[in-house]
Amino acid sequence: MCLAKFRQNARREAGLVRKQSRTIMAKAVVPHFHNDAGVPQVEIGAREFMCVGANAPQDHPHVYLDMGDETEIVCPYCSTLFKFNQELSVDQTVPEGCLVVGE
């Protein structure tokens, strides 16, 4: 194979790899949740998420939380107890409205 053809194939493959990784990253958005109501616990449908505390400007540093195999985790900033509920979708919460939209 000539060098020009090799380079052309390499660029084409690199383009496909970049395109695939963009698609994968776009699907891996981490949901953000808030606790404006100040309730002691929020049920969510995700095990990995960001807690922002309350909506801006009363938010705390946005902290990434990962429950792993557990079903609950406490935010170290606002002390909200987040409980995983497998019956909820990623964008649902109990109480309703704790998903940060449009960030």
N, C-alpha and C. Protein backbone atom coordinates (compact mmCIF):
# COMPACT_ATOMS: atom_id res chain seq x y z
N MET A 1 0.86 -1.16 0.00
CA MET A 1 0.00 0.00 0.00
C MET A 1 0.91 1.23 0.00
N CYS A 2 0.57 2.19 -0.83
CA CYS A 2 1.38 3.39 -0.88
C CYS A 2 1.12 4.25 0.35
N LEU A 3 2.08 5.13 0.68
CA LEU A 3 2.01 5.96 1.88
C LEU A 3 0.79 6.88 1.86
N ALA A 4 0.45 7.44 0.71
CA ALA A 4 -0.70 8.35 0.61
C ALA A 4 -2.00 7.60 0.94
N LYS A 5 -2.14 6.39 0.42
CA LYS A 5 -3.34 5.60 0.69
C LYS A 5 -3.41 5.22 2.17
N PHE A 6 -2.25 4.88 2.76
CA PHE A 6 -2.18 4.54 4.19
C PHE A 6 -2.64 5.73 5.03
N ARG A 7 -2.13 6.93 4.71
CA ARG A 7 -2.51 8.13 5.46
C ARG A 7 -4.00 8.43 5.31
N GLN A 8 -4.53 8.25 4.10
CA GLN A 8 -5.95 8.50 3.87
C GLN A 8 -6.80 7.54 4.71
N ASN A 9 -6.43 6.27 4.74
CA ASN A 9 -7.16 5.30 5.55
C ASN A 9 -7.05 5.62 7.04
N ALA A 10 -5.87 6.05 7.48
CA ALA A 10 -5.66 6.39 8.89
C ALA A 10 -6.53 7.58 9.28
N ARG A 11 -6.60 8.61 8.43
CA ARG A 11 -7.44 9.76 8.72
C ARG A 11 -8.91 9.37 8.78
N ARG A 12 -9.33 8.53 7.85
CA ARG A 12 -10.72 8.09 7.82
C ARG A 12 -11.05 7.33 9.11
N GLU A 13 -10.17 6.41 9.52
CA GLU A 13 -10.40 5.66 10.76
C GLU A 13 -10.40 6.58 11.97
N ALA A 14 -9.50 7.54 12.00
CA ALA A 14 -9.45 8.48 13.12
C ALA A 14 -10.73 9.30 13.18
N GLY A 15 -11.26 9.67 12.03
CA GLY A 15 -12.52 10.42 12.00
C GLY A 15 -13.67 9.59 12.55
N LEU A 16 -13.70 8.31 12.21
CA LEU A 16 -14.74 7.44 12.73
C LEU A 16 -14.62 7.28 14.24
N VAL A 17 -13.41 7.15 14.73
CA VAL A 17 -13.21 7.00 16.16
C VAL A 17 -13.68 8.26 16.87
N ARG A 18 -13.31 9.44 16.37
CA ARG A 18 -13.74 10.68 16.98
C ARG A 18 -15.27 10.79 16.98
N LYS A 19 -15.88 10.44 15.86
CA LYS A 19 -17.33 10.54 15.77
C LYS A 19 -18.00 9.59 16.76
N GLN A 20 -17.49 8.37 16.89
CA GLN A 20 -18.07 7.42 17.83
C GLN A 20 -17.91 7.91 19.27
N SER A 21 -16.75 8.46 19.62
CA SER A 21 -16.55 8.90 21.00
C SER A 21 -17.45 10.10 21.33
N ARG A 22 -17.71 10.96 20.36
CA ARG A 22 -18.63 12.07 20.61
C ARG A 22 -20.02 11.55 20.91
N THR A 23 -20.44 10.54 20.15
CA THR A 23 -21.75 9.96 20.37
C THR A 23 -21.83 9.33 21.75
N ILE A 24 -20.83 8.59 22.13
CA ILE A 24 -20.82 7.94 23.44
C ILE A 24 -20.84 8.99 24.54
N MET A 25 -20.04 10.02 24.43
CA MET A 25 -19.99 11.05 25.46
C MET A 25 -21.33 11.78 25.57
N ALA A 26 -21.99 11.99 24.45
CA ALA A 26 -23.26 12.71 24.48
C ALA A 26 -24.31 11.92 25.24
N LYS A 27 -24.21 10.60 25.24
CA LYS A 27 -25.18 9.77 25.93
C LYS A 27 -24.83 9.59 27.41
N ALA A 28 -23.66 10.01 27.83
CA ALA A 28 -23.21 9.78 29.20
C ALA A 28 -23.30 11.05 30.04
N VAL A 29 -24.37 11.79 29.90
CA VAL A 29 -24.56 13.02 30.67
C VAL A 29 -24.91 12.65 32.11
N VAL A 30 -24.24 13.29 33.05
CA VAL A 30 -24.48 13.04 34.46
C VAL A 30 -25.59 13.98 34.94
N PRO A 31 -26.68 13.46 35.48
CA PRO A 31 -27.76 14.34 35.94
C PRO A 31 -27.34 15.14 37.17
N HIS A 32 -27.90 16.34 37.31
CA HIS A 32 -27.65 17.22 38.45
C HIS A 32 -28.96 17.34 39.24
N PHE A 33 -28.85 17.23 40.57
CA PHE A 33 -30.02 17.34 41.42
C PHE A 33 -29.83 18.43 42.45
N HIS A 34 -30.94 19.06 42.85
CA HIS A 34 -30.91 20.10 43.89
C HIS A 34 -31.91 19.74 44.98
N ASN A 35 -31.82 20.45 46.10
CA ASN A 35 -32.76 20.24 47.19
C ASN A 35 -33.23 21.61 47.69
N ASP A 36 -33.86 22.37 46.83
CA ASP A 36 -34.39 23.69 47.20
C ASP A 36 -35.38 23.62 48.35
N ALA A 37 -36.15 22.54 48.41
CA ALA A 37 -37.18 22.41 49.44
C ALA A 37 -36.58 22.10 50.82
N GLY A 38 -35.34 21.67 50.85
CA GLY A 38 -34.71 21.34 52.12
C GLY A 38 -35.23 20.07 52.76
N VAL A 39 -35.72 19.15 51.95
CA VAL A 39 -36.22 17.88 52.49
C VAL A 39 -35.05 17.01 52.95
N PRO A 40 -35.25 16.13 53.91
CA PRO A 40 -34.13 15.33 54.41
C PRO A 40 -33.63 14.28 53.43
N GLN A 41 -34.50 13.81 52.50
CA GLN A 41 -34.05 12.82 51.52
C GLN A 41 -34.73 13.04 50.18
N VAL A 42 -34.01 12.65 49.13
CA VAL A 42 -34.52 12.75 47.77
C VAL A 42 -34.29 11.39 47.11
N GLU A 43 -35.35 10.81 46.56
CA GLU A 43 -35.24 9.56 45.82
C GLU A 43 -34.95 9.90 44.36
N ILE A 44 -33.98 9.20 43.78
CA ILE A 44 -33.58 9.47 42.40
C ILE A 44 -33.44 8.16 41.63
N GLY A 45 -33.41 8.25 40.32
CA GLY A 45 -33.28 7.08 39.46
C GLY A 45 -31.89 6.94 38.87
N ALA A 46 -30.87 7.46 39.55
CA ALA A 46 -29.48 7.37 39.07
C ALA A 46 -28.57 7.05 40.24
N ARG A 47 -27.51 6.31 39.98
CA ARG A 47 -26.54 6.01 41.02
C ARG A 47 -25.33 6.94 40.95
N GLU A 48 -25.14 7.58 39.80
CA GLU A 48 -24.06 8.55 39.62
C GLU A 48 -24.69 9.87 39.24
N PHE A 49 -24.33 10.95 39.95
CA PHE A 49 -24.98 12.23 39.72
C PHE A 49 -24.17 13.34 40.36
N MET A 50 -24.63 14.57 40.13
CA MET A 50 -24.03 15.75 40.76
C MET A 50 -25.08 16.35 41.69
N CYS A 51 -24.63 16.72 42.90
CA CYS A 51 -25.50 17.46 43.81
C CYS A 51 -25.05 18.91 43.78
N VAL A 52 -26.02 19.82 43.62
CA VAL A 52 -25.70 21.25 43.59
C VAL A 52 -26.23 21.96 44.82
N GLY A 53 -26.85 21.22 45.74
CA GLY A 53 -27.42 21.83 46.93
C GLY A 53 -28.76 22.44 46.62
N ALA A 54 -28.77 23.73 46.39
CA ALA A 54 -29.98 24.45 45.99
C ALA A 54 -29.69 25.10 44.63
N ASN A 55 -30.71 25.64 44.01
CA ASN A 55 -30.48 26.35 42.75
C ASN A 55 -29.70 27.63 43.01
N ALA A 56 -28.97 28.06 42.00
CA ALA A 56 -28.16 29.28 42.11
C ALA A 56 -29.05 30.45 42.50
N PRO A 57 -28.59 31.36 43.27
CA PRO A 57 -27.22 31.55 43.74
C PRO A 57 -26.96 30.89 45.10
N GLN A 58 -27.87 30.08 45.62
CA GLN A 58 -27.67 29.44 46.91
C GLN A 58 -27.03 28.05 46.79
N ASP A 59 -26.48 27.73 45.64
CA ASP A 59 -25.90 26.41 45.45
C ASP A 59 -24.56 26.27 46.18
N HIS A 60 -24.17 25.03 46.40
CA HIS A 60 -22.85 24.76 46.96
C HIS A 60 -21.97 24.24 45.83
N PRO A 61 -20.67 24.01 46.05
CA PRO A 61 -19.85 23.45 44.96
C PRO A 61 -20.51 22.18 44.42
N HIS A 62 -20.57 22.07 43.13
CA HIS A 62 -21.20 20.92 42.51
C HIS A 62 -20.32 19.70 42.72
N VAL A 63 -20.84 18.73 43.44
CA VAL A 63 -20.05 17.57 43.84
C VAL A 63 -20.59 16.32 43.15
N TYR A 64 -19.66 15.54 42.58
CA TYR A 64 -20.00 14.29 41.92
C TYR A 64 -20.14 13.21 42.98
N LEU A 65 -21.25 12.51 42.96
CA LEU A 65 -21.48 11.43 43.91
C LEU A 65 -21.76 10.13 43.16
N ASP A 66 -21.18 9.04 43.64
CA ASP A 66 -21.33 7.73 43.02
C ASP A 66 -21.71 6.73 44.11
N MET A 67 -22.90 6.16 44.03
CA MET A 67 -23.36 5.20 45.03
C MET A 67 -22.69 3.84 44.89
N GLY A 68 -22.13 3.57 43.73
CA GLY A 68 -21.57 2.24 43.50
C GLY A 68 -22.67 1.20 43.61
N ASP A 69 -22.46 0.18 44.42
CA ASP A 69 -23.46 -0.87 44.61
C ASP A 69 -24.46 -0.54 45.72
N GLU A 70 -24.22 0.54 46.43
CA GLU A 70 -25.11 0.93 47.52
C GLU A 70 -26.40 1.54 46.97
N THR A 71 -27.36 1.76 47.84
CA THR A 71 -28.64 2.34 47.41
C THR A 71 -28.86 3.73 47.98
N GLU A 72 -27.89 4.25 48.74
CA GLU A 72 -28.03 5.62 49.25
C GLU A 72 -26.67 6.23 49.51
N ILE A 73 -26.67 7.57 49.51
CA ILE A 73 -25.44 8.32 49.76
C ILE A 73 -25.83 9.70 50.30
N VAL A 74 -24.99 10.26 51.16
CA VAL A 74 -25.24 11.57 51.74
C VAL A 74 -24.29 12.58 51.10
N CYS A 75 -24.82 13.72 50.67
CA CYS A 75 -23.99 14.78 50.11
C CYS A 75 -23.15 15.38 51.25
N PRO A 76 -21.84 15.48 51.07
CA PRO A 76 -20.99 16.01 52.14
C PRO A 76 -21.16 17.51 52.37
N TYR A 77 -21.78 18.22 51.43
CA TYR A 77 -21.97 19.67 51.58
C TYR A 77 -23.30 20.02 52.24
N CYS A 78 -24.40 19.46 51.72
CA CYS A 78 -25.72 19.87 52.20
C CYS A 78 -26.41 18.81 53.06
N SER A 79 -25.78 17.67 53.22
CA SER A 79 -26.30 16.56 54.04
C SER A 79 -27.62 15.98 53.54
N THR A 80 -27.94 16.20 52.28
CA THR A 80 -29.13 15.57 51.71
C THR A 80 -28.85 14.08 51.52
N LEU A 81 -29.78 13.25 51.95
CA LEU A 81 -29.68 11.81 51.73
C LEU A 81 -30.33 11.49 50.40
N PHE A 82 -29.55 10.97 49.46
CA PHE A 82 -30.06 10.57 48.15
C PHE A 82 -30.24 9.06 48.17
N LYS A 83 -31.44 8.60 47.83
CA LYS A 83 -31.74 7.17 47.80
C LYS A 83 -32.05 6.76 46.37
N PHE A 84 -31.43 5.68 45.92
CA PHE A 84 -31.69 5.14 44.59
C PHE A 84 -33.01 4.39 44.59
N ASN A 85 -33.86 4.72 43.62
CA ASN A 85 -35.15 4.06 43.45
C ASN A 85 -35.18 3.54 42.02
N GLN A 86 -35.07 2.22 41.86
CA GLN A 86 -34.99 1.63 40.52
C GLN A 86 -36.26 1.81 39.69
N GLU A 87 -37.35 2.19 40.31
CA GLU A 87 -38.59 2.41 39.56
C GLU A 87 -38.65 3.80 38.92
N LEU A 88 -37.69 4.67 39.26
CA LEU A 88 -37.64 6.01 38.68
C LEU A 88 -36.71 6.04 37.49
N SER A 89 -37.02 6.86 36.50
CA SER A 89 -36.08 7.08 35.41
C SER A 89 -35.04 8.11 35.87
N VAL A 90 -34.00 8.30 35.09
CA VAL A 90 -32.90 9.19 35.48
C VAL A 90 -33.38 10.62 35.74
N ASP A 91 -34.43 11.05 35.07
CA ASP A 91 -34.90 12.43 35.23
C ASP A 91 -36.08 12.58 36.19
N GLN A 92 -36.38 11.56 36.97
CA GLN A 92 -37.48 11.63 37.93
C GLN A 92 -36.93 11.67 39.36
N THR A 93 -37.64 12.37 40.24
CA THR A 93 -37.26 12.44 41.65
C THR A 93 -38.50 12.39 42.53
N VAL A 94 -38.30 11.99 43.75
CA VAL A 94 -39.35 12.05 44.77
C VAL A 94 -38.73 12.75 45.96
N PRO A 95 -39.17 13.97 46.29
CA PRO A 95 -40.29 14.71 45.70
C PRO A 95 -39.95 15.18 44.28
N GLU A 96 -40.98 15.47 43.53
CA GLU A 96 -40.81 15.92 42.14
C GLU A 96 -40.08 17.26 42.09
N GLY A 97 -39.40 17.48 40.96
CA GLY A 97 -38.81 18.79 40.69
C GLY A 97 -37.40 19.02 41.22
N CYS A 98 -36.71 17.96 41.61
CA CYS A 98 -35.34 18.14 42.14
C CYS A 98 -34.25 18.00 41.07
N LEU A 99 -34.65 17.76 39.82
CA LEU A 99 -33.69 17.68 38.73
C LEU A 99 -33.34 19.08 38.27
N VAL A 100 -32.05 19.37 38.14
CA VAL A 100 -31.62 20.66 37.59
C VAL A 100 -31.79 20.60 36.09
N VAL A 101 -32.54 21.52 35.53
CA VAL A 101 -32.83 21.53 34.09
C VAL A 101 -32.14 22.73 33.45
N GLY A 102 -31.50 22.48 32.30
CA GLY A 102 -30.92 23.56 31.52
C GLY A 102 -29.61 24.12 32.04
N GLU A 103 -28.84 23.30 32.71
CA GLU A 103 -27.54 23.81 33.20
C GLU A 103 -26.50 23.66 32.14
